[in-house]
Amino acid sequence: SSAIELERAISTHIRQGDNVLEFGAQFASATKALCRRIGGDDDQGGGGTAILVDIQRKNDKAKSGRNKSRDLTPFLERDEKDDEESFADRVTLVELEKLDLWRRDLFSRSNNNNNNNNNN
């Protein structure tokens, strides 16, 4: 599916404040549209979160080849001095070694988080 179709689906089905999982995130225009749509910090009326899941890459800022558009900076870093758009306040990035192990990896993270919350 094209980025335009994905962005149209996001605007139709995702609302501000939603919590979403994007499996196979490409970290391009559709992922950014999703992060904009869910909003950010609660005090700004957003409060949504996104779990972005993709396979690990050797170089996330590749200049050529299949990964050339994969820049994770807006999803991981928040620089108050920088005018670049940032989604670090609403994103959890999960990079999997192998996609076929996604259930094990995601559910083990969820169970670990639940156990940590119960211990506090």
N, C-alpha and C. Protein backbone atom coordinates (compact mmCIF):
# COMPACT_ATOMS: atom_id res chain seq x y z
N SER A 1 0.83 -1.19 0.00
CA SER A 1 0.00 0.00 0.00
C SER A 1 0.87 1.25 0.00
N SER A 2 0.37 2.28 -0.59
CA SER A 2 1.15 3.50 -0.71
C SER A 2 1.08 4.32 0.57
N ALA A 3 2.02 5.23 0.71
CA ALA A 3 2.04 6.11 1.87
C ALA A 3 0.78 6.96 1.94
N ILE A 4 0.26 7.37 0.81
CA ILE A 4 -0.96 8.19 0.78
C ILE A 4 -2.14 7.40 1.34
N GLU A 5 -2.25 6.13 0.95
CA GLU A 5 -3.33 5.28 1.47
C GLU A 5 -3.19 5.07 2.97
N LEU A 6 -1.96 4.85 3.42
CA LEU A 6 -1.73 4.67 4.86
C LEU A 6 -2.09 5.93 5.63
N GLU A 7 -1.68 7.08 5.13
CA GLU A 7 -1.99 8.34 5.80
C GLU A 7 -3.50 8.60 5.82
N ARG A 8 -4.19 8.23 4.76
CA ARG A 8 -5.65 8.38 4.72
C ARG A 8 -6.31 7.47 5.76
N ALA A 9 -5.83 6.25 5.89
CA ALA A 9 -6.36 5.32 6.89
C ALA A 9 -6.08 5.84 8.31
N ILE A 10 -4.92 6.41 8.52
CA ILE A 10 -4.58 6.97 9.83
C ILE A 10 -5.54 8.09 10.18
N SER A 11 -5.78 8.99 9.24
CA SER A 11 -6.67 10.12 9.53
C SER A 11 -8.12 9.68 9.76
N THR A 12 -8.50 8.54 9.19
CA THR A 12 -9.86 8.03 9.35
C THR A 12 -10.04 7.26 10.66
N HIS A 13 -9.05 6.45 11.03
CA HIS A 13 -9.23 5.49 12.13
C HIS A 13 -8.52 5.84 13.43
N ILE A 14 -7.52 6.68 13.39
CA ILE A 14 -6.74 7.00 14.59
C ILE A 14 -7.17 8.36 15.11
N ARG A 15 -7.33 8.46 16.41
CA ARG A 15 -7.76 9.71 17.05
C ARG A 15 -6.70 10.19 18.03
N GLN A 16 -6.75 11.46 18.34
CA GLN A 16 -5.85 12.03 19.32
C GLN A 16 -6.04 11.29 20.65
N GLY A 17 -4.94 10.93 21.28
CA GLY A 17 -4.99 10.21 22.55
C GLY A 17 -4.99 8.70 22.42
N ASP A 18 -5.09 8.17 21.20
CA ASP A 18 -5.08 6.72 21.00
C ASP A 18 -3.71 6.14 21.33
N ASN A 19 -3.71 4.88 21.70
CA ASN A 19 -2.49 4.10 21.89
C ASN A 19 -2.44 3.10 20.74
N VAL A 20 -1.36 3.12 19.97
CA VAL A 20 -1.30 2.31 18.75
C VAL A 20 -0.01 1.51 18.67
N LEU A 21 -0.08 0.44 17.90
CA LEU A 21 1.07 -0.40 17.59
C LEU A 21 1.24 -0.38 16.08
N GLU A 22 2.40 0.03 15.62
CA GLU A 22 2.70 -0.04 14.19
C GLU A 22 3.75 -1.13 14.00
N PHE A 23 3.33 -2.21 13.40
CA PHE A 23 4.20 -3.35 13.16
C PHE A 23 4.78 -3.24 11.77
N GLY A 24 6.10 -3.25 11.66
CA GLY A 24 6.75 -3.05 10.38
C GLY A 24 6.91 -1.56 10.09
N ALA A 25 7.14 -0.80 11.13
CA ALA A 25 7.27 0.66 10.98
C ALA A 25 8.41 0.99 10.03
N GLN A 26 8.16 1.88 9.11
CA GLN A 26 9.19 2.30 8.16
C GLN A 26 9.82 3.63 8.56
N PHE A 27 9.27 4.28 9.58
CA PHE A 27 9.81 5.53 10.10
C PHE A 27 9.89 6.60 9.02
N ALA A 28 8.88 6.63 8.18
CA ALA A 28 8.79 7.62 7.11
C ALA A 28 7.51 8.42 7.31
N SER A 29 6.91 8.89 6.23
CA SER A 29 5.79 9.82 6.32
C SER A 29 4.57 9.23 7.04
N ALA A 30 4.26 7.96 6.84
CA ALA A 30 3.09 7.37 7.50
C ALA A 30 3.31 7.26 9.01
N THR A 31 4.50 6.88 9.42
CA THR A 31 4.80 6.79 10.85
C THR A 31 4.73 8.17 11.50
N LYS A 32 5.25 9.18 10.82
CA LYS A 32 5.18 10.54 11.34
C LYS A 32 3.73 11.02 11.42
N ALA A 33 2.92 10.70 10.41
CA ALA A 33 1.50 11.08 10.43
C ALA A 33 0.79 10.43 11.61
N LEU A 34 1.10 9.17 11.87
CA LEU A 34 0.51 8.47 13.00
C LEU A 34 0.89 9.15 14.32
N CYS A 35 2.15 9.49 14.48
CA CYS A 35 2.62 10.13 15.71
C CYS A 35 2.03 11.53 15.88
N ARG A 36 1.86 12.26 14.81
CA ARG A 36 1.21 13.58 14.89
C ARG A 36 -0.25 13.41 15.32
N ARG A 37 -0.91 12.42 14.75
CA ARG A 37 -2.35 12.22 14.97
C ARG A 37 -2.67 11.87 16.42
N ILE A 38 -1.85 11.03 17.05
CA ILE A 38 -2.15 10.62 18.42
C ILE A 38 -1.84 11.72 19.42
N GLY A 39 -1.07 12.70 19.03
CA GLY A 39 -0.76 13.81 19.92
C GLY A 39 0.39 13.49 20.84
N GLY A 40 0.71 14.47 21.66
CA GLY A 40 1.87 14.32 22.53
C GLY A 40 1.50 14.36 23.99
N ASP A 41 2.18 15.22 24.71
CA ASP A 41 2.02 15.33 26.16
C ASP A 41 0.58 15.60 26.55
N ASP A 42 0.16 15.05 27.68
CA ASP A 42 -1.21 15.22 28.18
C ASP A 42 -1.61 16.68 28.33
N ASP A 43 -0.68 17.54 28.75
CA ASP A 43 -1.04 18.93 28.98
C ASP A 43 -1.34 19.68 27.69
N GLN A 44 -1.03 19.06 26.56
CA GLN A 44 -1.35 19.65 25.26
C GLN A 44 -2.58 18.99 24.64
N GLY A 45 -3.27 18.16 25.40
CA GLY A 45 -4.49 17.53 24.91
C GLY A 45 -4.27 16.27 24.11
N GLY A 46 -3.04 15.78 24.05
CA GLY A 46 -2.75 14.58 23.27
C GLY A 46 -2.79 13.35 24.13
N GLY A 47 -1.62 12.96 24.58
CA GLY A 47 -1.51 11.84 25.50
C GLY A 47 -1.48 10.48 24.87
N GLY A 48 -1.51 10.40 23.54
CA GLY A 48 -1.43 9.10 22.89
C GLY A 48 -0.02 8.56 22.90
N THR A 49 0.09 7.25 22.70
CA THR A 49 1.39 6.61 22.63
C THR A 49 1.44 5.68 21.42
N ALA A 50 2.64 5.44 20.94
CA ALA A 50 2.84 4.54 19.81
C ALA A 50 3.99 3.59 20.13
N ILE A 51 3.76 2.32 19.87
CA ILE A 51 4.83 1.33 19.91
C ILE A 51 5.16 1.05 18.45
N LEU A 52 6.37 1.38 18.07
CA LEU A 52 6.82 1.21 16.68
C LEU A 52 7.76 0.01 16.62
N VAL A 53 7.37 -1.00 15.87
CA VAL A 53 8.10 -2.25 15.81
C VAL A 53 8.66 -2.46 14.41
N ASP A 54 9.94 -2.78 14.34
CA ASP A 54 10.55 -3.13 13.07
C ASP A 54 11.76 -4.02 13.35
N ILE A 55 12.33 -4.51 12.30
CA ILE A 55 13.51 -5.36 12.41
C ILE A 55 14.75 -4.48 12.61
N GLN A 56 15.72 -4.98 13.35
CA GLN A 56 16.97 -4.24 13.56
C GLN A 56 17.69 -4.05 12.23
N ARG A 57 18.28 -2.90 12.08
CA ARG A 57 19.09 -2.62 10.88
C ARG A 57 20.51 -2.34 11.31
N LYS A 58 21.45 -2.58 10.43
CA LYS A 58 22.85 -2.30 10.75
C LYS A 58 23.11 -0.81 10.84
N ASN A 59 22.49 -0.04 9.93
CA ASN A 59 22.75 1.39 9.88
C ASN A 59 21.43 2.12 9.67
N ASP A 60 20.96 2.81 10.70
CA ASP A 60 19.67 3.48 10.61
C ASP A 60 19.72 4.83 9.91
N LYS A 61 20.89 5.29 9.53
CA LYS A 61 20.98 6.54 8.78
C LYS A 61 21.66 6.29 7.44
N ALA A 62 21.31 5.18 6.82
CA ALA A 62 21.91 4.81 5.55
C ALA A 62 21.60 5.86 4.49
N LYS A 63 22.57 6.12 3.65
CA LYS A 63 22.41 7.11 2.59
C LYS A 63 21.91 6.51 1.29
N SER A 64 21.96 5.20 1.18
CA SER A 64 21.50 4.57 -0.05
C SER A 64 20.96 3.19 0.26
N GLY A 65 20.36 2.59 -0.74
CA GLY A 65 19.84 1.25 -0.60
C GLY A 65 18.46 1.23 0.05
N ARG A 66 18.08 0.07 0.52
CA ARG A 66 16.75 -0.16 1.05
C ARG A 66 16.43 0.70 2.27
N ASN A 67 17.43 1.06 3.08
CA ASN A 67 17.19 1.77 4.32
C ASN A 67 17.39 3.28 4.20
N LYS A 68 17.50 3.81 2.99
CA LYS A 68 17.89 5.20 2.85
C LYS A 68 16.93 6.20 3.50
N SER A 69 15.66 5.86 3.71
CA SER A 69 14.73 6.81 4.31
C SER A 69 14.54 6.58 5.80
N ARG A 70 15.24 5.66 6.38
CA ARG A 70 15.03 5.29 7.78
C ARG A 70 15.90 6.14 8.69
N ASP A 71 15.35 7.23 9.19
CA ASP A 71 16.03 8.10 10.13
C ASP A 71 15.23 8.08 11.43
N LEU A 72 15.81 7.51 12.47
CA LEU A 72 15.11 7.34 13.73
C LEU A 72 15.18 8.56 14.64
N THR A 73 15.95 9.56 14.26
CA THR A 73 16.17 10.73 15.12
C THR A 73 14.87 11.34 15.66
N PRO A 74 13.85 11.62 14.84
CA PRO A 74 12.64 12.24 15.39
C PRO A 74 11.89 11.37 16.39
N PHE A 75 12.16 10.07 16.39
CA PHE A 75 11.44 9.14 17.25
C PHE A 75 12.18 8.85 18.56
N LEU A 76 13.46 9.19 18.61
CA LEU A 76 14.26 8.85 19.77
C LEU A 76 14.77 10.05 20.55
N GLU A 77 14.95 11.18 19.90
CA GLU A 77 15.59 12.32 20.52
C GLU A 77 14.65 13.51 20.59
N ARG A 78 14.78 14.25 21.67
CA ARG A 78 14.00 15.48 21.82
C ARG A 78 14.97 16.58 22.21
N ASP A 79 15.15 17.53 21.33
CA ASP A 79 16.07 18.63 21.57
C ASP A 79 15.27 19.92 21.56
N GLU A 80 15.14 20.55 22.71
CA GLU A 80 14.34 21.77 22.84
C GLU A 80 14.86 22.89 21.95
N LYS A 81 16.17 22.90 21.67
CA LYS A 81 16.76 23.97 20.87
C LYS A 81 16.56 23.75 19.37
N ASP A 82 16.25 22.53 19.02
CA ASP A 82 16.14 22.15 17.61
C ASP A 82 14.72 22.38 17.12
N ASP A 83 14.57 22.89 15.91
CA ASP A 83 13.26 23.11 15.32
C ASP A 83 12.69 21.85 14.66
N GLU A 84 13.48 20.79 14.60
CA GLU A 84 13.01 19.54 13.99
C GLU A 84 11.86 18.96 14.81
N GLU A 85 10.93 18.36 14.13
CA GLU A 85 9.80 17.70 14.77
C GLU A 85 10.29 16.49 15.56
N SER A 86 9.76 16.30 16.77
CA SER A 86 10.17 15.17 17.61
C SER A 86 8.93 14.46 18.14
N PHE A 87 9.02 13.14 18.19
CA PHE A 87 7.94 12.32 18.71
C PHE A 87 8.41 11.50 19.91
N ALA A 88 9.57 11.83 20.45
CA ALA A 88 10.16 11.05 21.54
C ALA A 88 9.27 10.98 22.76
N ASP A 89 8.37 11.96 22.93
CA ASP A 89 7.49 11.98 24.10
C ASP A 89 6.36 10.96 24.01
N ARG A 90 6.16 10.34 22.86
CA ARG A 90 5.01 9.43 22.71
C ARG A 90 5.37 8.09 22.08
N VAL A 91 6.65 7.83 21.86
CA VAL A 91 7.06 6.65 21.11
C VAL A 91 7.89 5.70 21.96
N THR A 92 7.60 4.41 21.80
CA THR A 92 8.47 3.34 22.28
C THR A 92 8.91 2.59 21.03
N LEU A 93 10.20 2.52 20.83
CA LEU A 93 10.75 1.84 19.66
C LEU A 93 11.18 0.43 20.06
N VAL A 94 10.71 -0.55 19.31
CA VAL A 94 11.09 -1.94 19.53
C VAL A 94 11.70 -2.45 18.24
N GLU A 95 12.98 -2.83 18.32
CA GLU A 95 13.66 -3.39 17.16
C GLU A 95 13.89 -4.88 17.43
N LEU A 96 13.40 -5.70 16.53
CA LEU A 96 13.49 -7.14 16.68
C LEU A 96 14.63 -7.70 15.85
N GLU A 97 15.30 -8.68 16.40
CA GLU A 97 16.36 -9.34 15.65
C GLU A 97 15.78 -10.12 14.47
N LYS A 98 14.65 -10.79 14.71
CA LYS A 98 13.95 -11.54 13.66
C LYS A 98 12.47 -11.25 13.78
N LEU A 99 11.84 -10.94 12.67
CA LEU A 99 10.41 -10.63 12.71
C LEU A 99 9.55 -11.81 13.14
N ASP A 100 9.99 -13.03 12.81
CA ASP A 100 9.16 -14.18 13.15
C ASP A 100 9.12 -14.45 14.66
N LEU A 101 9.92 -13.73 15.44
CA LEU A 101 9.91 -13.87 16.90
C LEU A 101 9.16 -12.72 17.58
N TRP A 102 8.32 -12.01 16.83
CA TRP A 102 7.69 -10.80 17.37
C TRP A 102 6.81 -11.07 18.58
N ARG A 103 6.08 -12.16 18.57
CA ARG A 103 5.20 -12.45 19.72
C ARG A 103 6.02 -12.63 20.99
N ARG A 104 7.05 -13.45 20.89
CA ARG A 104 7.90 -13.70 22.06
C ARG A 104 8.52 -12.40 22.57
N ASP A 105 9.08 -11.61 21.67
CA ASP A 105 9.77 -10.39 22.07
C ASP A 105 8.82 -9.36 22.65
N LEU A 106 7.69 -9.13 22.00
CA LEU A 106 6.75 -8.12 22.51
C LEU A 106 6.11 -8.54 23.81
N PHE A 107 5.67 -9.81 23.91
CA PHE A 107 5.00 -10.24 25.12
C PHE A 107 5.97 -10.38 26.29
N SER A 108 7.22 -10.72 26.02
CA SER A 108 8.18 -10.78 27.13
C SER A 108 8.48 -9.38 27.64
N ARG A 109 8.50 -8.37 26.76
CA ARG A 109 8.68 -6.98 27.21
C ARG A 109 7.49 -6.55 28.05
N SER A 110 6.29 -6.91 27.60
CA SER A 110 5.08 -6.53 28.32
C SER A 110 5.05 -7.17 29.70
N ASN A 111 5.39 -8.45 29.79
CA ASN A 111 5.41 -9.14 31.08
C ASN A 111 6.47 -8.55 32.00
N ASN A 112 7.63 -8.20 31.46
CA ASN A 112 8.68 -7.58 32.27
C ASN A 112 8.22 -6.23 32.81
N ASN A 113 7.55 -5.43 31.98
CA ASN A 113 7.04 -4.14 32.43
C ASN A 113 5.99 -4.31 33.50
N ASN A 114 5.09 -5.28 33.35
CA ASN A 114 4.06 -5.53 34.36
C ASN A 114 4.67 -5.98 35.68
N ASN A 115 5.69 -6.85 35.61
CA ASN A 115 6.36 -7.30 36.83
C ASN A 115 7.06 -6.15 37.52
N ASN A 116 7.70 -5.27 36.76
CA ASN A 116 8.37 -4.12 37.35
C ASN A 116 7.38 -3.19 38.01
N ASN A 117 6.21 -2.97 37.39
CA ASN A 117 5.17 -2.11 37.96
C ASN A 117 4.60 -2.71 39.23
N ASN A 118 4.46 -4.03 39.29
CA ASN A 118 3.90 -4.69 40.47
C ASN A 118 4.87 -4.66 41.64
N ASN A 119 6.17 -4.57 41.34
CA ASN A 119 7.17 -4.54 42.40
C ASN A 119 7.35 -3.17 43.01
N ASN A 120 6.78 -2.14 42.39
CA ASN A 120 6.94 -0.77 42.92
C ASN A 120 5.89 -0.41 43.91
